Amino acid sequence: MIGVMIVDDHELERFALSLVVRKDPRITVVAEAEDGRAALDVIAGLRERGRPIPDVILMDVRMPGMDGIQATRRIVGAFPGVHVLILTTYDQDDYAFKGLSAGAVGFLLKDARGEDITRAIHALAAGEAVLTPRITRKILSRAGRLDPPDGRLPDALFSELSPRERQVVELMADGRSNGEIAKVMTIQEASVRRSVSRILAKTGLRDRVQIVSAWYKAMS
């Protein structure tokens, strides 16, 4: 089961999102909060009581008090295993950029189809990144937090990759999930996950978002 937390200052929005995600039997809503500060308190309380904290948070951006960007930065810093999906009604690149810079690994609009939201939850829980197609390349190429480690040039990061690992990176850059990559390469999905782990180890990058960003920069 994937534990999800919904953070939104509108009760009806939280209720609607809860209905959407509960349709998937592999997802359970473990908590809700009306703003960023409350979200931090709820997660801390769950941990103190020995209860599971959320795997994925559906985070609104514009909220009174502590907004979604501030909350994302605080939550990712305090609870590294939590994956944040920015979910907003505002289709603005700036929100996506700030969210990624704060540590979010996903950005979708609230008018996305229910199946797209649940698919994104599964992807984030599996360590993948999810962005609306329109902004993927633009945001990943701009996000300051995605700069290569140790000052290395982007193309140097991939010099030690095998041909298969480079193909995996290329497919990741096309926005494909592990399952889709496995189908294209006619290999098992577990093999793709192992390849991603090796790519992270060889490049020193932190996650899939950083891999794709560095790849775009290397190819530009």
C-alpha atoms as a PDB file:
ATOM      1  CA  MET A   1       0.000   0.000   0.000  1.00  0.00           C
ATOM      2  CA  ILE A   2       1.107   3.537  -0.789  1.00  0.00           C
ATOM      3  CA  GLY A   3       0.312   6.027   1.963  1.00  0.00           C
ATOM      4  CA  VAL A   4      -0.810   9.423   0.676  1.00  0.00           C
ATOM      5  CA  MET A   5      -1.257  12.727   2.466  1.00  0.00           C
ATOM      6  CA  ILE A   6      -3.397  15.529   0.991  1.00  0.00           C
ATOM      7  CA  VAL A   7      -2.439  19.107   1.848  1.00  0.00           C
ATOM      8  CA  ASP A   8      -4.888  21.775   0.673  1.00  0.00           C
ATOM      9  CA  ASP A   9      -6.597  24.683   2.399  1.00  0.00           C
ATOM     10  CA  HIS A  10      -9.948  23.893   0.777  1.00  0.00           C
ATOM     11  CA  GLU A  11     -11.842  21.074   2.461  1.00  0.00           C
ATOM     12  CA  LEU A  12     -13.801  20.256  -0.701  1.00  0.00           C
ATOM     13  CA  GLU A  13     -10.569  19.913  -2.673  1.00  0.00           C
ATOM     14  CA  ARG A  14      -9.185  17.517  -0.074  1.00  0.00           C
ATOM     15  CA  PHE A  15     -12.421  15.531  -0.173  1.00  0.00           C
ATOM     16  CA  ALA A  16     -12.424  15.346  -3.976  1.00  0.00           C
ATOM     17  CA  LEU A  17      -8.789  14.254  -4.142  1.00  0.00           C
ATOM     18  CA  SER A  18      -9.422  11.694  -1.435  1.00  0.00           C
ATOM     19  CA  LEU A  19     -12.246  10.191  -3.491  1.00  0.00           C
ATOM     20  CA  VAL A  20      -9.991  10.033  -6.544  1.00  0.00           C
ATOM     21  CA  VAL A  21      -7.059   8.278  -4.915  1.00  0.00           C
ATOM     22  CA  ARG A  22      -9.184   5.907  -2.826  1.00  0.00           C
ATOM     23  CA  LYS A  23     -10.457   4.341  -6.043  1.00  0.00           C
ATOM     24  CA  ASP A  24      -7.073   2.666  -6.351  1.00  0.00           C
ATOM     25  CA  PRO A  25      -6.975  -0.281  -3.914  1.00  0.00           C
ATOM     26  CA  ARG A  26      -3.194   0.055  -3.640  1.00  0.00           C
ATOM     27  CA  ILE A  27      -3.393   3.613  -2.287  1.00  0.00           C
ATOM     28  CA  THR A  28      -4.590   4.706   1.139  1.00  0.00           C
ATOM     29  CA  VAL A  29      -5.007   8.233   2.508  1.00  0.00           C
ATOM     30  CA  VAL A  30      -3.102   8.313   5.784  1.00  0.00           C
ATOM     31  CA  ALA A  31      -3.484  12.008   6.622  1.00  0.00           C
ATOM     32  CA  GLU A  32      -4.789  15.421   5.560  1.00  0.00           C
ATOM     33  CA  ALA A  33      -3.785  18.975   6.431  1.00  0.00           C
ATOM     34  CA  GLU A  34      -5.066  22.454   5.621  1.00  0.00           C
ATOM     35  CA  ASP A  35      -1.678  24.160   5.233  1.00  0.00           C
ATOM     36  CA  GLY A  36       2.059  23.549   5.268  1.00  0.00           C
ATOM     37  CA  ARG A  37       2.558  24.096   8.982  1.00  0.00           C
ATOM     38  CA  ALA A  38      -0.227  21.675   9.843  1.00  0.00           C
ATOM     39  CA  ALA A  39       1.262  19.134   7.436  1.00  0.00           C
ATOM     40  CA  LEU A  40       4.604  19.254   9.236  1.00  0.00           C
ATOM     41  CA  ASP A  41       2.908  18.846  12.592  1.00  0.00           C
ATOM     42  CA  VAL A  42       0.806  15.913  11.373  1.00  0.00           C
ATOM     43  CA  ILE A  43       3.781  14.045   9.939  1.00  0.00           C
ATOM     44  CA  ALA A  44       5.843  14.628  13.062  1.00  0.00           C
ATOM     45  CA  GLY A  45       2.930  13.393  15.173  1.00  0.00           C
ATOM     46  CA  LEU A  46       2.587  10.225  13.102  1.00  0.00           C
ATOM     47  CA  ARG A  47       6.270   9.451  13.549  1.00  0.00           C
ATOM     48  CA  GLU A  48       6.168  10.131  17.278  1.00  0.00           C
ATOM     49  CA  ARG A  49       3.283   7.694  17.668  1.00  0.00           C
ATOM     50  CA  GLY A  50       5.079   5.053  15.626  1.00  0.00           C
ATOM     51  CA  ARG A  51       2.559   5.226  12.815  1.00  0.00           C
ATOM     52  CA  PRO A  52       3.483   5.173   9.106  1.00  0.00           C
ATOM     53  CA  ILE A  53       4.213   8.551   7.599  1.00  0.00           C
ATOM     54  CA  PRO A  54       3.054   9.249   4.034  1.00  0.00           C
ATOM     55  CA  ASP A  55       5.012   7.946   1.064  1.00  0.00           C
ATOM     56  CA  VAL A  56       3.601  10.635  -1.225  1.00  0.00           C
ATOM     57  CA  ILE A  57       2.141  14.057  -0.478  1.00  0.00           C
ATOM     58  CA  LEU A  58      -0.290  15.814  -2.815  1.00  0.00           C
ATOM     59  CA  MET A  59       0.688  19.411  -2.096  1.00  0.00           C
ATOM     60  CA  ASP A  60      -1.264  22.523  -3.009  1.00  0.00           C
ATOM     61  CA  VAL A  61       0.807  25.651  -3.660  1.00  0.00           C
ATOM     62  CA  ARG A  62      -1.212  28.660  -2.606  1.00  0.00           C
ATOM     63  CA  MET A  63      -2.225  28.300   1.032  1.00  0.00           C
ATOM     64  CA  PRO A  64      -2.378  30.798   3.907  1.00  0.00           C
ATOM     65  CA  GLY A  65       0.389  30.662   6.472  1.00  0.00           C
ATOM     66  CA  MET A  66       3.028  28.270   5.187  1.00  0.00           C
ATOM     67  CA  ASP A  67       2.506  27.729   1.461  1.00  0.00           C
ATOM     68  CA  GLY A  68       3.217  24.549  -0.474  1.00  0.00           C
ATOM     69  CA  ILE A  69       6.703  25.577  -1.595  1.00  0.00           C
ATOM     70  CA  GLN A  70       7.882  26.342   1.941  1.00  0.00           C
ATOM     71  CA  ALA A  71       6.238  23.199   3.241  1.00  0.00           C
ATOM     72  CA  THR A  72       7.878  21.054   0.571  1.00  0.00           C
ATOM     73  CA  ARG A  73      11.325  22.350   1.472  1.00  0.00           C
ATOM     74  CA  ARG A  74      10.754  21.715   5.198  1.00  0.00           C
ATOM     75  CA  ILE A  75       9.192  18.276   4.724  1.00  0.00           C
ATOM     76  CA  VAL A  76      11.829  16.971   2.311  1.00  0.00           C
ATOM     77  CA  GLY A  77      14.548  18.209   4.635  1.00  0.00           C
ATOM     78  CA  ALA A  78      13.032  16.604   7.731  1.00  0.00           C
ATOM     79  CA  PHE A  79      11.578  13.457   6.134  1.00  0.00           C
ATOM     80  CA  PRO A  80      13.770  12.466   3.154  1.00  0.00           C
ATOM     81  CA  GLY A  81      11.707   9.389   2.336  1.00  0.00           C
ATOM     82  CA  VAL A  82       8.593  11.445   1.575  1.00  0.00           C
ATOM     83  CA  HIS A  83       7.941  12.299  -2.095  1.00  0.00           C
ATOM     84  CA  VAL A  84       6.060  15.510  -2.862  1.00  0.00           C
ATOM     85  CA  LEU A  85       3.764  15.994  -5.852  1.00  0.00           C
ATOM     86  CA  ILE A  86       2.852  19.636  -6.407  1.00  0.00           C
ATOM     87  CA  LEU A  87      -0.798  19.655  -7.447  1.00  0.00           C
ATOM     88  CA  THR A  88      -2.175  23.073  -8.338  1.00  0.00           C
ATOM     89  CA  THR A  89      -4.837  24.851 -10.381  1.00  0.00           C
ATOM     90  CA  TYR A  90      -2.265  27.377 -11.611  1.00  0.00           C
ATOM     91  CA  ASP A  91      -0.447  26.402 -14.814  1.00  0.00           C
ATOM     92  CA  GLN A  92       2.620  28.523 -14.218  1.00  0.00           C
ATOM     93  CA  ASP A  93       6.216  27.516 -14.848  1.00  0.00           C
ATOM     94  CA  ASP A  94       7.334  29.467 -11.791  1.00  0.00           C
ATOM     95  CA  TYR A  95       5.377  27.208  -9.451  1.00  0.00           C
ATOM     96  CA  ALA A  96       6.919  24.102 -10.985  1.00  0.00           C
ATOM     97  CA  PHE A  97      10.414  25.604 -10.873  1.00  0.00           C
ATOM     98  CA  LYS A  98      10.112  26.649  -7.236  1.00  0.00           C
ATOM     99  CA  GLY A  99       8.571  23.313  -6.308  1.00  0.00           C
ATOM    100  CA  LEU A 100      11.414  21.333  -7.874  1.00  0.00           C
ATOM    101  CA  SER A 101      13.962  23.650  -6.313  1.00  0.00           C
ATOM    102  CA  ALA A 102      12.334  22.979  -2.927  1.00  0.00           C
ATOM    103  CA  GLY A 103      12.632  19.223  -3.407  1.00  0.00           C
ATOM    104  CA  ALA A 104       9.371  18.156  -5.066  1.00  0.00           C
ATOM    105  CA  VAL A 105       9.662  15.390  -7.651  1.00  0.00           C
ATOM    106  CA  GLY A 106       6.349  15.917  -9.395  1.00  0.00           C
ATOM    107  CA  PHE A 107       4.107  18.665 -10.740  1.00  0.00           C
ATOM    108  CA  LEU A 108       0.569  18.215 -12.085  1.00  0.00           C
ATOM    109  CA  LEU A 109      -2.503  20.361 -12.507  1.00  0.00           C
ATOM    110  CA  LYS A 110      -5.584  19.612 -10.434  1.00  0.00           C
ATOM    111  CA  ASP A 111      -7.642  19.168 -13.580  1.00  0.00           C
ATOM    112  CA  ALA A 112      -5.548  16.127 -14.511  1.00  0.00           C
ATOM    113  CA  ARG A 113      -7.560  12.952 -14.933  1.00  0.00           C
ATOM    114  CA  GLY A 114      -7.940  10.794 -11.852  1.00  0.00           C
ATOM    115  CA  GLU A 115      -5.994   7.982 -13.493  1.00  0.00           C
ATOM    116  CA  ASP A 116      -3.137  10.390 -14.224  1.00  0.00           C
ATOM    117  CA  ILE A 117      -3.000  11.424 -10.576  1.00  0.00           C
ATOM    118  CA  THR A 118      -2.985   7.845  -9.306  1.00  0.00           C
ATOM    119  CA  ARG A 119      -0.395   6.902 -11.922  1.00  0.00           C
ATOM    120  CA  ALA A 120       1.759   9.794 -10.724  1.00  0.00           C
ATOM    121  CA  ILE A 121       1.436   8.619  -7.119  1.00  0.00           C
ATOM    122  CA  HIS A 122       2.683   5.166  -8.081  1.00  0.00           C
ATOM    123  CA  ALA A 123       5.535   6.680 -10.083  1.00  0.00           C
ATOM    124  CA  LEU A 124       6.696   8.901  -7.211  1.00  0.00           C
ATOM    125  CA  ALA A 125       6.484   6.020  -4.752  1.00  0.00           C
ATOM    126  CA  ALA A 126       8.739   4.042  -7.101  1.00  0.00           C
ATOM    127  CA  GLY A 127      11.312   6.825  -7.180  1.00  0.00           C
ATOM    128  CA  GLU A 128      10.332   8.335 -10.512  1.00  0.00           C
ATOM    129  CA  ALA A 129       9.624  11.962 -11.410  1.00  0.00           C
ATOM    130  CA  VAL A 130       6.394  13.265 -12.920  1.00  0.00           C
ATOM    131  CA  LEU A 131       5.880  16.576 -14.685  1.00  0.00           C
ATOM    132  CA  THR A 132       3.251  17.937 -17.050  1.00  0.00           C
ATOM    133  CA  PRO A 133       4.615  17.389 -20.586  1.00  0.00           C
ATOM    134  CA  ARG A 134       4.440  21.069 -21.534  1.00  0.00           C
ATOM    135  CA  ILE A 135       7.006  22.148 -18.981  1.00  0.00           C
ATOM    136  CA  THR A 136       9.215  19.075 -18.608  1.00  0.00           C
ATOM    137  CA  ARG A 137      12.180  20.156 -20.730  1.00  0.00           C
ATOM    138  CA  LYS A 138      11.938  23.829 -19.776  1.00  0.00           C
ATOM    139  CA  ILE A 139      11.761  23.245 -16.040  1.00  0.00           C
ATOM    140  CA  LEU A 140      14.391  20.526 -15.879  1.00  0.00           C
ATOM    141  CA  SER A 141      16.865  22.643 -17.817  1.00  0.00           C
ATOM    142  CA  ARG A 142      16.343  25.623 -15.495  1.00  0.00           C
ATOM    143  CA  ALA A 143      16.088  24.095 -12.041  1.00  0.00           C
ATOM    144  CA  GLY A 144      19.091  25.260 -10.068  1.00  0.00           C
ATOM    145  CA  ARG A 145      19.010  22.326  -7.659  1.00  0.00           C
ATOM    146  CA  LEU A 146      19.668  19.972 -10.567  1.00  0.00           C
ATOM    147  CA  ASP A 147      23.155  21.198 -11.388  1.00  0.00           C
ATOM    148  CA  PRO A 148      25.696  18.342 -11.622  1.00  0.00           C
ATOM    149  CA  PRO A 149      27.615  17.550  -8.426  1.00  0.00           C
ATOM    150  CA  ASP A 150      31.263  18.459  -7.888  1.00  0.00           C
ATOM    151  CA  GLY A 151      31.204  21.010 -10.696  1.00  0.00           C
ATOM    152  CA  ARG A 152      31.509  18.349 -13.387  1.00  0.00           C
ATOM    153  CA  LEU A 153      30.284  19.175 -16.875  1.00  0.00           C
ATOM    154  CA  PRO A 154      27.033  17.412 -17.822  1.00  0.00           C
ATOM    155  CA  ASP A 155      28.589  15.347 -20.615  1.00  0.00           C
ATOM    156  CA  ALA A 156      31.321  14.081 -18.277  1.00  0.00           C
ATOM    157  CA  LEU A 157      28.697  12.634 -15.951  1.00  0.00           C
ATOM    158  CA  PHE A 158      27.697  10.022 -18.513  1.00  0.00           C
ATOM    159  CA  SER A 159      31.141   9.044 -19.816  1.00  0.00           C
ATOM    160  CA  GLU A 160      31.314   5.885 -17.692  1.00  0.00           C
ATOM    161  CA  LEU A 161      27.860   4.578 -18.590  1.00  0.00           C
ATOM    162  CA  SER A 162      27.468   1.421 -20.634  1.00  0.00           C
ATOM    163  CA  PRO A 163      25.513   1.588 -23.936  1.00  0.00           C
ATOM    164  CA  ARG A 164      22.499   0.024 -22.198  1.00  0.00           C
ATOM    165  CA  GLU A 165      22.644   2.524 -19.346  1.00  0.00           C
ATOM    166  CA  ARG A 166      22.846   5.401 -21.836  1.00  0.00           C
ATOM    167  CA  GLN A 167      19.776   4.027 -23.592  1.00  0.00           C
ATOM    168  CA  VAL A 168      17.956   3.947 -20.270  1.00  0.00           C
ATOM    169  CA  VAL A 169      18.874   7.604 -19.702  1.00  0.00           C
ATOM    170  CA  GLU A 170      17.670   8.550 -23.187  1.00  0.00           C
ATOM    171  CA  LEU A 171      14.320   6.866 -22.567  1.00  0.00           C
ATOM    172  CA  MET A 172      14.036   8.516 -19.148  1.00  0.00           C
ATOM    173  CA  ALA A 173      14.633  11.861 -20.862  1.00  0.00           C
ATOM    174  CA  ASP A 174      11.699  11.062 -23.154  1.00  0.00           C
ATOM    175  CA  GLY A 175       9.528  10.883 -20.050  1.00  0.00           C
ATOM    176  CA  ARG A 176       9.095   7.101 -20.015  1.00  0.00           C
ATOM    177  CA  SER A 177       8.461   5.178 -16.813  1.00  0.00           C
ATOM    178  CA  ASN A 178      10.421   2.098 -15.767  1.00  0.00           C
ATOM    179  CA  GLY A 179       7.684  -0.128 -17.162  1.00  0.00           C
ATOM    180  CA  GLU A 180       7.700   1.655 -20.508  1.00  0.00           C
ATOM    181  CA  ILE A 181      11.491   1.516 -20.698  1.00  0.00           C
ATOM    182  CA  ALA A 182      11.372  -2.218 -20.022  1.00  0.00           C
ATOM    183  CA  LYS A 183       8.943  -2.733 -22.926  1.00  0.00           C
ATOM    184  CA  VAL A 184      11.034  -0.685 -25.351  1.00  0.00           C
ATOM    185  CA  MET A 185      14.250  -2.490 -24.402  1.00  0.00           C
ATOM    186  CA  THR A 186      12.503  -5.891 -24.042  1.00  0.00           C
ATOM    187  CA  ILE A 187      13.939  -6.461 -20.576  1.00  0.00           C
ATOM    188  CA  GLN A 188      12.457  -6.955 -17.133  1.00  0.00           C
ATOM    189  CA  GLU A 189      11.378  -3.901 -15.156  1.00  0.00           C
ATOM    190  CA  ALA A 190      13.653  -5.067 -12.335  1.00  0.00           C
ATOM    191  CA  SER A 191      16.582  -4.773 -14.761  1.00  0.00           C
ATOM    192  CA  VAL A 192      15.606  -1.176 -15.478  1.00  0.00           C
ATOM    193  CA  ARG A 193      15.530  -0.394 -11.756  1.00  0.00           C
ATOM    194  CA  ARG A 194      18.993  -1.902 -11.348  1.00  0.00           C
ATOM    195  CA  SER A 195      20.252   0.150 -14.289  1.00  0.00           C
ATOM    196  CA  VAL A 196      18.861   3.334 -12.744  1.00  0.00           C
ATOM    197  CA  SER A 197      20.600   2.509  -9.473  1.00  0.00           C
ATOM    198  CA  ARG A 198      23.907   2.002 -11.305  1.00  0.00           C
ATOM    199  CA  ILE A 199      23.432   5.261 -13.210  1.00  0.00           C
ATOM    200  CA  LEU A 200      22.880   7.143  -9.962  1.00  0.00           C
ATOM    201  CA  ALA A 201      25.969   5.542  -8.421  1.00  0.00           C
ATOM    202  CA  LYS A 202      28.206   6.288 -11.421  1.00  0.00           C
ATOM    203  CA  THR A 203      27.074   9.872 -11.920  1.00  0.00           C
ATOM    204  CA  GLY A 204      26.646  10.891  -8.280  1.00  0.00           C
ATOM    205  CA  LEU A 205      23.248  12.345  -9.110  1.00  0.00           C
ATOM    206  CA  ARG A 206      20.481  12.157  -6.528  1.00  0.00           C
ATOM    207  CA  ASP A 207      17.395  11.132  -8.466  1.00  0.00           C
ATOM    208  CA  ARG A 208      15.771  10.715 -11.869  1.00  0.00           C
ATOM    209  CA  VAL A 209      15.017  14.415 -12.161  1.00  0.00           C
ATOM    210  CA  GLN A 210      18.691  15.251 -11.849  1.00  0.00           C
ATOM    211  CA  ILE A 211      19.605  12.567 -14.389  1.00  0.00           C
ATOM    212  CA  VAL A 212      17.191  13.939 -16.977  1.00  0.00           C
ATOM    213  CA  SER A 213      18.212  17.547 -16.334  1.00  0.00           C
ATOM    214  CA  ALA A 214      21.908  16.739 -16.727  1.00  0.00           C
ATOM    215  CA  TRP A 215      21.161  14.748 -19.900  1.00  0.00           C
ATOM    216  CA  TYR A 216      19.324  17.681 -21.468  1.00  0.00           C
ATOM    217  CA  LYS A 217      22.234  19.971 -20.622  1.00  0.00           C
ATOM    218  CA  ALA A 218      24.765  17.486 -22.027  1.00  0.00           C
ATOM    219  CA  MET A 219      22.805  17.200 -25.292  1.00  0.00           C
ATOM    220  CA  SER A 220      22.213  20.948 -25.702  1.00  0.00           C
END
